[in-house]
Amino acid sequence: MQDTNLKGAMLRETLFTEAMHLVTSVAVSATGTTWAAGSDSGKICLWHEDGRLLHMIRSAHTDCVNALAFSPDGHYLSSASEDATIKFWHAESGALHLVLQGHRASVTSFAFAPDGRHLISGSDDGTMRLWDTSTGTCIRIFENSHGDGVRVAWSPDNALVASGGADRVIQLWETQTWTCVQTLSGHAHWIQGLAFSPDSTRLASASRDQTVRVWDVVDGSTKAVLRGHTDFVRMAAWSPDQQTIASCSNDGTIRIWDVESNRQRSLLRDHTNVVCAIAFTPNGNRLLSGSEDRTLRLWEIDSGVCVRVVQGYSLSLLAVAWSPDGTHLAIGLLMMGTPLLFSQYSRVYHTIGVFATEPSAVSEDALGRRKCSPPVSKVYQGLLTQNRTTVRTPSPFLNLLNAASSSSSGTL
């Protein structure tokens, strides 16, 4: 293990693992029964929540898989890549169904319409494209949308699409006529993330200007500017009851905001490095966070207390997601090609692969994406069981975890 801080770690509820390849994207089907992960090598894996590997698509793309999403009906898995394509795969068989081609550079994000009939994509070529998902036809091209790194979101009520990027503004597009009905200005730096509220009346935007802004999508007014972070804000997320917004940042903190008062309710700062990803549990009572300090933490929203730590990773945690029923979660690690599927009791139900990689160099590009030189692979021994925590690490940490798991206190 490398520079692992075990202070106060509950080893009975701690996963020790060696990082694998770079997992760049994850997705969960609407039912929560099928999971997918894409890697920087272009490979995509699908597996069942019970741990059965369903499909491994080794050459899904010729470059990094930037984004994954299941279609609303769950029949297809869609993937967007730095090879400038979007592909549809049969979730049942893993067979290729459709290829959307037209972007001239990396596809950075995409979003399905709630009915699944259309898809909107954003690209480093500075454009957005609207697609018919039944034929793969590009219906409309939005030129010179926002410069590099176009981000998109589709409102749950199907009425609006939001877009943002390097030009620091957000545009709202009415989906019946595909005209821009609002231009939202106020951020002083790139837009990093967009999220509609569950009732589609508000939009939260995260920016490199260290703020989160909440917008009224009807009149375009700024409802709130949430200040407190001291570095780039990575993303913002709405709680299911839309009473709370959580934000995470390069400053290593998570801030919980009360939507009604626009005030910070709590500051979660147990992480010791950049917090890359956050996700509310389906009931909204807890928040999961992944960090470059190599830990995954579960927080009680009301108390602000960290109630569980998954600790001991040798590389950064970049993405986290809960299944809709709250019983499983998935995590993505920098340089990790082995997605991990946990039960709510911190048991690992499935891993894929046994090769650990050690990058010779890791850097961040202008869009905030991790880049690394080709890794060197090593093989490690590991355990996989449904009855106890999985260990994937060389000695002496195997012996340490085994001893701690059999002890009465389970603490170090």
Protein backbone atom coordinates (compact mmCIF):
# COMPACT_ATOMS: atom_id res chain seq x y z
CA MET A 1 0.00 0.00 0.00
CA GLN A 2 1.17 3.49 -0.71
CA ASP A 3 0.86 6.28 1.86
CA THR A 4 -2.31 4.83 3.35
CA ASN A 5 -3.66 6.62 6.41
CA LEU A 6 -5.33 4.01 8.65
CA LYS A 7 -5.96 6.28 11.63
CA GLY A 8 -9.32 5.42 13.18
CA ALA A 9 -10.21 2.99 10.41
CA MET A 10 -12.78 0.31 11.28
CA LEU A 11 -11.15 -2.65 9.60
CA ARG A 12 -14.30 -4.75 9.70
CA GLU A 13 -15.89 -2.18 7.43
CA THR A 14 -12.76 -1.33 5.46
CA LEU A 15 -11.91 -2.61 2.01
CA PHE A 16 -8.21 -3.00 1.23
CA THR A 17 -7.47 -3.16 -2.48
CA GLU A 18 -4.83 -2.49 -5.09
CA ALA A 19 -5.98 -0.18 -7.87
CA MET A 20 -6.28 -1.64 -11.35
CA HIS A 21 -6.89 0.16 -14.64
CA LEU A 22 -8.46 3.57 -15.11
CA VAL A 23 -12.25 3.26 -14.90
CA THR A 24 -13.51 6.44 -16.49
CA SER A 25 -17.29 5.94 -16.39
CA VAL A 26 -20.00 3.92 -14.65
CA ALA A 27 -23.74 3.42 -15.12
CA VAL A 28 -26.60 1.60 -13.39
CA SER A 29 -29.80 0.44 -15.06
CA ALA A 30 -33.10 1.91 -13.87
CA THR A 31 -33.90 -1.32 -12.04
CA GLY A 32 -30.50 -1.39 -10.35
CA THR A 33 -29.88 -4.96 -11.53
CA THR A 34 -27.33 -4.29 -14.27
CA TRP A 35 -24.11 -2.33 -13.91
CA ALA A 36 -21.60 -1.14 -16.48
CA ALA A 37 -18.12 0.36 -16.44
CA GLY A 38 -15.91 1.82 -19.16
CA SER A 39 -12.15 2.26 -19.13
CA ASP A 40 -9.45 4.40 -20.68
CA SER A 41 -8.58 1.47 -22.95
CA GLY A 42 -12.02 1.55 -24.59
CA LYS A 43 -13.26 -1.61 -22.87
CA ILE A 44 -16.78 -1.87 -21.40
CA CYS A 45 -17.95 -4.48 -18.88
CA LEU A 46 -21.52 -5.30 -17.87
CA TRP A 47 -22.38 -7.39 -14.85
CA HIS A 48 -25.37 -8.36 -12.76
CA GLU A 49 -25.80 -6.97 -9.26
CA ASP A 50 -25.30 -10.47 -7.86
CA GLY A 51 -21.76 -10.46 -9.24
CA ARG A 52 -22.19 -12.44 -12.46
CA LEU A 53 -20.17 -11.00 -15.32
CA LEU A 54 -22.59 -10.62 -18.21
CA HIS A 55 -20.44 -9.17 -20.98
CA MET A 56 -16.94 -7.89 -21.55
CA ILE A 57 -16.67 -5.77 -24.70
CA ARG A 58 -12.92 -5.56 -25.07
CA SER A 59 -12.77 -3.22 -28.07
CA ALA A 60 -15.93 -1.20 -27.57
CA HIS A 61 -14.06 1.98 -28.46
CA THR A 62 -10.61 2.82 -29.76
CA ASP A 63 -10.04 5.38 -27.00
CA CYS A 64 -11.20 6.32 -23.52
CA VAL A 65 -14.87 5.79 -22.61
CA ASN A 66 -15.93 9.19 -21.21
CA ALA A 67 -19.56 8.47 -20.33
CA LEU A 68 -22.05 5.63 -19.99
CA ALA A 69 -25.82 5.58 -19.55
CA PHE A 70 -28.60 3.05 -19.86
CA SER A 71 -31.53 4.02 -22.04
CA PRO A 72 -34.67 4.83 -20.00
CA ASP A 73 -36.28 1.52 -21.02
CA GLY A 74 -33.14 -0.37 -19.98
CA HIS A 75 -32.76 -2.14 -23.33
CA TYR A 76 -29.52 -0.44 -24.33
CA LEU A 77 -26.29 0.75 -22.82
CA SER A 78 -24.86 3.83 -24.52
CA SER A 79 -21.24 4.89 -24.41
CA ALA A 80 -19.42 8.08 -25.43
CA SER A 81 -15.71 8.13 -26.15
CA GLU A 82 -12.70 10.20 -27.00
CA ASP A 83 -12.82 8.41 -30.37
CA ALA A 84 -15.65 10.89 -31.17
CA THR A 85 -18.41 8.27 -31.32
CA ILE A 86 -21.45 7.29 -29.28
CA LYS A 87 -22.40 3.62 -29.38
CA PHE A 88 -25.51 1.67 -28.36
CA TRP A 89 -25.10 -1.86 -27.02
CA HIS A 90 -27.80 -4.43 -26.34
CA ALA A 91 -27.85 -4.71 -22.55
CA GLU A 92 -29.09 -8.30 -22.83
CA SER A 93 -26.49 -9.65 -25.25
CA GLY A 94 -23.73 -7.05 -25.32
CA ALA A 95 -23.99 -6.86 -29.11
CA LEU A 96 -23.46 -3.58 -30.92
CA HIS A 97 -26.76 -2.00 -31.99
CA LEU A 98 -26.00 1.46 -33.31
CA VAL A 99 -23.12 3.90 -33.83
CA LEU A 100 -23.64 7.67 -33.76
CA GLN A 101 -20.93 9.42 -35.77
CA GLY A 102 -20.46 13.09 -36.55
CA HIS A 103 -18.55 14.76 -33.75
CA ARG A 104 -15.06 15.87 -34.75
CA ALA A 105 -13.49 15.46 -31.31
CA SER A 106 -14.00 13.70 -28.01
CA VAL A 107 -17.61 13.31 -26.86
CA THR A 108 -17.51 14.67 -23.30
CA SER A 109 -21.09 14.14 -22.18
CA PHE A 110 -24.54 13.04 -23.28
CA ALA A 111 -28.05 12.76 -21.86
CA PHE A 112 -31.14 10.83 -22.84
CA ALA A 113 -34.55 12.41 -23.15
CA PRO A 114 -36.80 10.96 -20.42
CA ASP A 115 -38.75 8.99 -23.04
CA GLY A 116 -35.53 7.67 -24.59
CA ARG A 117 -36.43 8.70 -28.13
CA HIS A 118 -33.71 11.32 -28.41
CA LEU A 119 -30.22 11.95 -27.07
CA ILE A 120 -28.20 15.15 -26.74
CA SER A 121 -24.40 15.08 -26.78
CA GLY A 122 -21.63 17.57 -26.07
CA SER A 123 -18.12 17.48 -27.44
CA ASP A 124 -14.68 19.04 -27.36
CA ASP A 125 -15.37 20.12 -30.94
CA GLY A 126 -17.52 22.88 -29.40
CA THR A 127 -20.83 21.52 -30.65
CA MET A 128 -23.92 19.79 -29.35
CA ARG A 129 -25.75 17.26 -31.46
CA LEU A 130 -29.31 16.02 -31.19
CA TRP A 131 -29.86 12.41 -32.25
CA ASP A 132 -32.80 10.16 -33.08
CA THR A 133 -32.04 7.06 -31.02
CA SER A 134 -34.13 4.75 -33.21
CA THR A 135 -32.21 5.47 -36.42
CA GLY A 136 -28.95 7.04 -35.24
CA THR A 137 -29.66 10.10 -37.36
CA CYS A 138 -28.28 13.46 -36.29
CA ILE A 139 -31.31 15.75 -36.31
CA ARG A 140 -29.64 19.02 -35.42
CA ILE A 141 -26.20 20.46 -34.83
CA PHE A 142 -25.65 23.34 -32.43
CA GLU A 143 -22.42 24.99 -33.62
CA ASN A 144 -20.01 26.90 -31.42
CA SER A 145 -22.07 26.16 -28.34
CA HIS A 146 -19.62 26.76 -25.52
CA GLY A 147 -16.09 26.09 -26.67
CA ASP A 148 -14.33 23.06 -25.19
CA GLY A 149 -15.80 20.57 -22.76
CA VAL A 150 -19.51 21.01 -23.46
CA ARG A 151 -21.67 19.66 -20.61
CA VAL A 152 -25.34 18.81 -21.04
CA ALA A 153 -28.34 17.86 -18.91
CA TRP A 154 -31.95 17.00 -19.84
CA SER A 155 -34.75 18.03 -17.49
CA PRO A 156 -36.87 15.25 -15.97
CA ASP A 157 -40.06 16.78 -17.39
CA ASN A 158 -38.60 16.65 -20.93
CA ALA A 159 -39.09 20.39 -21.48
CA LEU A 160 -35.53 21.72 -21.39
CA VAL A 161 -31.93 20.87 -22.13
CA ALA A 162 -29.17 22.77 -20.34
CA SER A 163 -25.70 23.21 -21.77
CA GLY A 164 -22.52 24.86 -20.53
CA GLY A 165 -18.79 24.83 -20.99
CA ALA A 166 -15.67 26.89 -21.32
CA ASP A 167 -17.47 30.12 -22.27
CA ARG A 168 -18.84 30.38 -18.70
CA VAL A 169 -22.49 30.72 -19.70
CA ILE A 170 -25.40 28.29 -19.54
CA GLN A 171 -28.01 28.01 -22.24
CA LEU A 172 -31.50 26.57 -21.81
CA TRP A 173 -33.02 25.00 -24.89
CA GLU A 174 -36.75 24.43 -25.32
CA THR A 175 -37.08 20.89 -26.63
CA GLN A 176 -40.19 21.41 -28.78
CA THR A 177 -38.59 23.98 -31.08
CA TRP A 178 -34.92 23.62 -30.08
CA THR A 179 -34.54 27.31 -29.62
CA CYS A 180 -32.50 28.86 -26.84
CA VAL A 181 -34.99 30.42 -24.44
CA GLN A 182 -32.58 31.53 -21.73
CA THR A 183 -28.92 32.43 -21.44
CA LEU A 184 -27.70 32.35 -17.88
CA SER A 185 -24.65 34.46 -17.08
CA GLY A 186 -22.87 34.86 -13.78
CA HIS A 187 -20.12 32.30 -13.48
CA ALA A 188 -16.58 33.63 -13.78
CA HIS A 189 -15.00 30.37 -14.95
CA TRP A 190 -15.80 27.14 -16.82
CA ILE A 191 -18.94 25.20 -16.08
CA GLN A 192 -17.98 21.83 -14.60
CA GLY A 193 -21.38 20.24 -14.03
CA LEU A 194 -25.12 20.74 -14.48
CA ALA A 195 -28.02 19.14 -12.61
CA PHE A 196 -31.76 19.80 -12.84
CA SER A 197 -33.83 19.61 -9.68
CA PRO A 198 -36.17 16.60 -9.53
CA ASP A 199 -39.18 18.82 -10.30
CA SER A 200 -37.35 20.48 -13.23
CA THR A 201 -37.95 24.03 -11.97
CA ARG A 202 -34.35 24.80 -10.99
CA LEU A 203 -30.87 24.11 -12.24
CA ALA A 204 -27.70 23.80 -10.20
CA SER A 205 -24.40 24.59 -11.89
CA ALA A 206 -20.92 23.86 -10.54
CA SER A 207 -18.00 25.95 -11.72
CA ARG A 208 -14.30 26.47 -11.49
CA ASP A 209 -15.06 29.90 -10.02
CA GLN A 210 -15.52 28.07 -6.68
CA THR A 211 -19.30 28.57 -6.55
CA VAL A 212 -22.53 26.68 -7.09
CA ARG A 213 -25.35 28.69 -8.60
CA VAL A 214 -29.03 27.82 -8.42
CA TRP A 215 -31.12 29.15 -11.28
CA ASP A 216 -34.85 29.55 -11.87
CA VAL A 217 -35.34 27.92 -15.26
CA VAL A 218 -38.60 29.82 -15.90
CA ASP A 219 -37.33 33.40 -15.71
CA GLY A 220 -33.57 32.72 -15.77
CA SER A 221 -32.95 34.49 -12.48
CA THR A 222 -30.26 33.50 -10.03
CA LYS A 223 -31.96 32.08 -6.96
CA ALA A 224 -28.75 31.62 -5.00
CA VAL A 225 -24.98 31.77 -5.19
CA LEU A 226 -23.52 29.22 -2.82
CA ARG A 227 -20.08 30.38 -1.70
CA GLY A 228 -17.63 28.70 0.59
CA HIS A 229 -15.41 26.44 -1.46
CA THR A 230 -11.85 27.65 -1.94
CA ASP A 231 -11.07 25.77 -5.16
CA PHE A 232 -12.81 24.37 -8.25
CA VAL A 233 -16.26 22.94 -7.55
CA ARG A 234 -16.34 19.52 -9.17
CA MET A 235 -20.07 18.84 -9.12
CA ALA A 236 -23.38 19.53 -7.43
CA ALA A 237 -26.14 17.05 -6.62
CA TRP A 238 -29.77 17.43 -5.55
CA SER A 239 -31.27 15.30 -2.82
CA PRO A 240 -34.33 13.30 -3.95
CA ASP A 241 -36.64 15.59 -1.95
CA GLN A 242 -34.86 18.62 -3.51
CA GLN A 243 -34.48 20.29 -0.12
CA THR A 244 -30.70 19.88 -0.12
CA ILE A 245 -27.81 20.46 -2.49
CA ALA A 246 -24.43 18.86 -1.92
CA SER A 247 -21.25 20.10 -3.59
CA CYS A 248 -17.70 18.77 -3.68
CA SER A 249 -14.49 20.52 -4.53
CA ASN A 250 -10.78 20.42 -5.15
CA ASP A 251 -10.45 22.03 -1.71
CA GLY A 252 -11.09 18.62 -0.17
CA THR A 253 -14.47 19.46 1.36
CA ILE A 254 -18.12 18.63 0.86
CA ARG A 255 -20.66 21.30 1.65
CA ILE A 256 -24.31 20.64 2.39
CA TRP A 257 -26.64 23.50 1.51
CA ASP A 258 -30.21 24.13 2.62
CA VAL A 259 -32.17 25.03 -0.52
CA GLU A 260 -34.83 27.10 1.25
CA SER A 261 -32.44 29.38 3.13
CA ASN A 262 -29.49 29.06 0.73
CA ARG A 263 -27.25 28.62 3.73
CA GLN A 264 -24.61 26.03 4.43
CA ARG A 265 -25.94 23.41 6.80
CA SER A 266 -22.74 21.50 7.34
CA LEU A 267 -19.14 21.19 6.23
CA LEU A 268 -17.79 17.68 5.75
CA ARG A 269 -14.02 17.83 5.84
CA ASP A 270 -12.62 14.48 6.90
CA HIS A 271 -11.17 13.98 3.44
CA THR A 272 -7.54 15.06 3.11
CA ASN A 273 -7.46 15.68 -0.65
CA VAL A 274 -9.65 16.60 -3.62
CA VAL A 275 -13.21 15.28 -3.39
CA CYS A 276 -14.01 14.10 -6.91
CA ALA A 277 -17.51 12.66 -6.74
CA ILE A 278 -20.64 12.63 -4.58
CA ALA A 279 -23.95 10.77 -4.79
CA PHE A 280 -27.02 10.79 -2.56
CA THR A 281 -28.47 7.47 -1.48
CA PRO A 282 -31.95 6.91 -2.93
CA ASN A 283 -33.64 7.83 0.36
CA GLY A 284 -31.62 11.05 0.58
CA ASN A 285 -30.49 10.45 4.17
CA ARG A 286 -26.87 9.72 3.35
CA LEU A 287 -24.20 10.93 0.98
CA LEU A 288 -21.38 8.94 -0.54
CA SER A 289 -18.10 10.64 -1.49
CA GLY A 290 -14.92 9.56 -3.28
CA SER A 291 -11.63 11.37 -2.95
CA GLU A 292 -8.04 11.54 -4.09
CA ASP A 293 -7.10 10.73 -0.49
CA ARG A 294 -7.94 7.15 -1.55
CA THR A 295 -10.99 6.75 0.65
CA LEU A 296 -14.69 6.33 0.12
CA ARG A 297 -16.83 7.84 2.89
CA LEU A 298 -20.49 7.54 3.80
CA TRP A 299 -22.03 10.52 5.61
CA GLU A 300 -25.22 11.08 7.59
CA ILE A 301 -26.74 14.22 6.08
CA ASP A 302 -28.53 15.42 9.23
CA SER A 303 -25.60 15.04 11.61
CA GLY A 304 -22.73 15.51 9.17
CA VAL A 305 -21.04 12.47 10.72
CA CYS A 306 -18.96 10.08 8.66
CA VAL A 307 -20.47 6.70 9.50
CA ARG A 308 -18.35 4.45 7.31
CA VAL A 309 -14.93 4.54 5.66
CA VAL A 310 -13.75 2.34 2.83
CA GLN A 311 -10.03 2.89 3.18
CA GLY A 312 -6.75 1.63 1.87
CA TYR A 313 -6.79 2.32 -1.85
CA SER A 314 -3.45 3.02 -3.48
CA LEU A 315 -4.92 5.46 -6.02
CA SER A 316 -7.63 8.11 -6.16
CA LEU A 317 -11.38 7.47 -6.00
CA LEU A 318 -12.95 9.42 -8.87
CA ALA A 319 -16.59 8.31 -9.15
CA VAL A 320 -19.30 6.83 -6.99
CA ALA A 321 -22.91 5.81 -7.61
CA TRP A 322 -25.73 4.09 -5.68
CA SER A 323 -28.26 1.66 -7.08
CA PRO A 324 -31.83 3.02 -7.02
CA ASP A 325 -32.84 0.73 -4.14
CA GLY A 326 -29.88 1.80 -2.00
CA THR A 327 -28.54 -1.71 -1.44
CA HIS A 328 -25.48 -1.56 -3.70
CA LEU A 329 -22.91 0.99 -4.74
CA ALA A 330 -20.22 1.19 -7.40
CA ILE A 331 -16.92 3.04 -7.32
CA GLY A 332 -14.37 4.06 -9.92
CA LEU A 333 -10.67 4.43 -9.16
CA LEU A 334 -7.90 6.25 -10.98
CA MET A 335 -6.07 3.55 -12.95
CA MET A 336 -8.58 0.92 -11.88
CA GLY A 337 -9.96 -1.56 -14.39
CA THR A 338 -11.78 -3.57 -11.74
CA PRO A 339 -15.20 -2.12 -10.88
CA LEU A 340 -16.28 -2.95 -7.34
CA LEU A 341 -19.90 -3.69 -6.42
CA PHE A 342 -20.65 -3.39 -2.70
CA SER A 343 -23.61 -4.41 -0.61
CA GLN A 344 -24.94 -1.88 1.91
CA TYR A 345 -22.99 -3.78 4.58
CA SER A 346 -19.63 -3.03 2.88
CA ARG A 347 -19.27 -6.55 1.47
CA VAL A 348 -17.80 -6.67 -2.00
CA TYR A 349 -19.98 -8.82 -4.22
CA HIS A 350 -17.92 -8.73 -7.38
CA THR A 351 -14.64 -7.66 -8.91
CA ILE A 352 -13.41 -8.15 -12.44
CA GLY A 353 -9.73 -8.76 -13.27
CA VAL A 354 -6.56 -9.29 -11.29
CA PHE A 355 -4.03 -6.98 -12.89
CA ALA A 356 -2.80 -4.00 -10.90
CA THR A 357 -1.25 -1.12 -12.78
CA GLU A 358 1.27 1.46 -11.76
CA PRO A 359 1.25 4.63 -13.90
CA SER A 360 4.55 6.31 -14.61
CA ALA A 361 2.87 9.71 -14.64
CA VAL A 362 -0.58 11.17 -13.94
CA SER A 363 -1.65 14.68 -14.91
CA GLU A 364 -4.80 16.77 -15.33
CA ASP A 365 -5.67 18.40 -18.65
CA ALA A 366 -7.39 21.75 -19.20
CA LEU A 367 -10.81 20.11 -18.81
CA GLY A 368 -9.92 18.62 -15.43
CA ARG A 369 -9.66 15.05 -16.74
CA ARG A 370 -6.98 12.67 -15.48
CA LYS A 371 -4.41 11.55 -18.05
CA CYS A 372 -1.73 8.96 -17.49
CA SER A 373 1.12 7.34 -19.33
CA PRO A 374 0.80 3.64 -20.23
CA PRO A 375 0.72 1.59 -17.04
CA VAL A 376 2.92 -1.27 -15.99
CA SER A 377 0.86 -4.31 -15.00
CA LYS A 378 1.52 -6.55 -12.03
CA VAL A 379 -0.45 -9.53 -10.81
CA TYR A 380 -1.67 -9.64 -7.20
CA GLN A 381 -3.35 -12.38 -5.25
CA GLY A 382 -6.82 -11.62 -3.90
CA LEU A 383 -9.88 -13.03 -2.20
CA LEU A 384 -13.50 -12.83 -3.37
CA THR A 385 -16.32 -13.84 -1.08
CA GLN A 386 -19.89 -12.89 -0.28
CA ASN A 387 -19.44 -13.52 3.42
CA ARG A 388 -16.74 -11.03 4.33
CA THR A 389 -14.85 -8.04 3.04
CA THR A 390 -12.81 -8.61 -0.10
CA VAL A 391 -9.06 -8.16 0.12
CA ARG A 392 -6.98 -7.52 -2.95
CA THR A 393 -3.53 -6.58 -1.71
CA PRO A 394 -0.11 -8.13 -1.16
CA SER A 395 1.15 -9.05 2.29
CA PRO A 396 1.45 -7.80 4.98
CA PHE A 397 -1.95 -6.14 4.62
CA LEU A 398 -3.71 -9.44 3.97
CA ASN A 399 -2.54 -10.67 7.36
CA LEU A 400 -3.38 -7.35 8.99
CA LEU A 401 -6.97 -7.37 7.70
CA ASN A 402 -7.49 -11.04 8.50
CA ALA A 403 -6.30 -10.49 12.07
CA ALA A 404 -8.40 -7.38 12.51
CA SER A 405 -11.53 -8.99 11.09
CA SER A 406 -11.32 -11.79 13.62
CA SER A 407 -10.72 -9.47 16.56
CA SER A 408 -13.46 -8.19 18.82
CA SER A 409 -12.83 -4.49 18.35
CA GLY A 410 -11.87 -4.39 14.66
CA THR A 411 -9.99 -1.12 15.02
CA LEU A 412 -6.42 -0.15 14.38
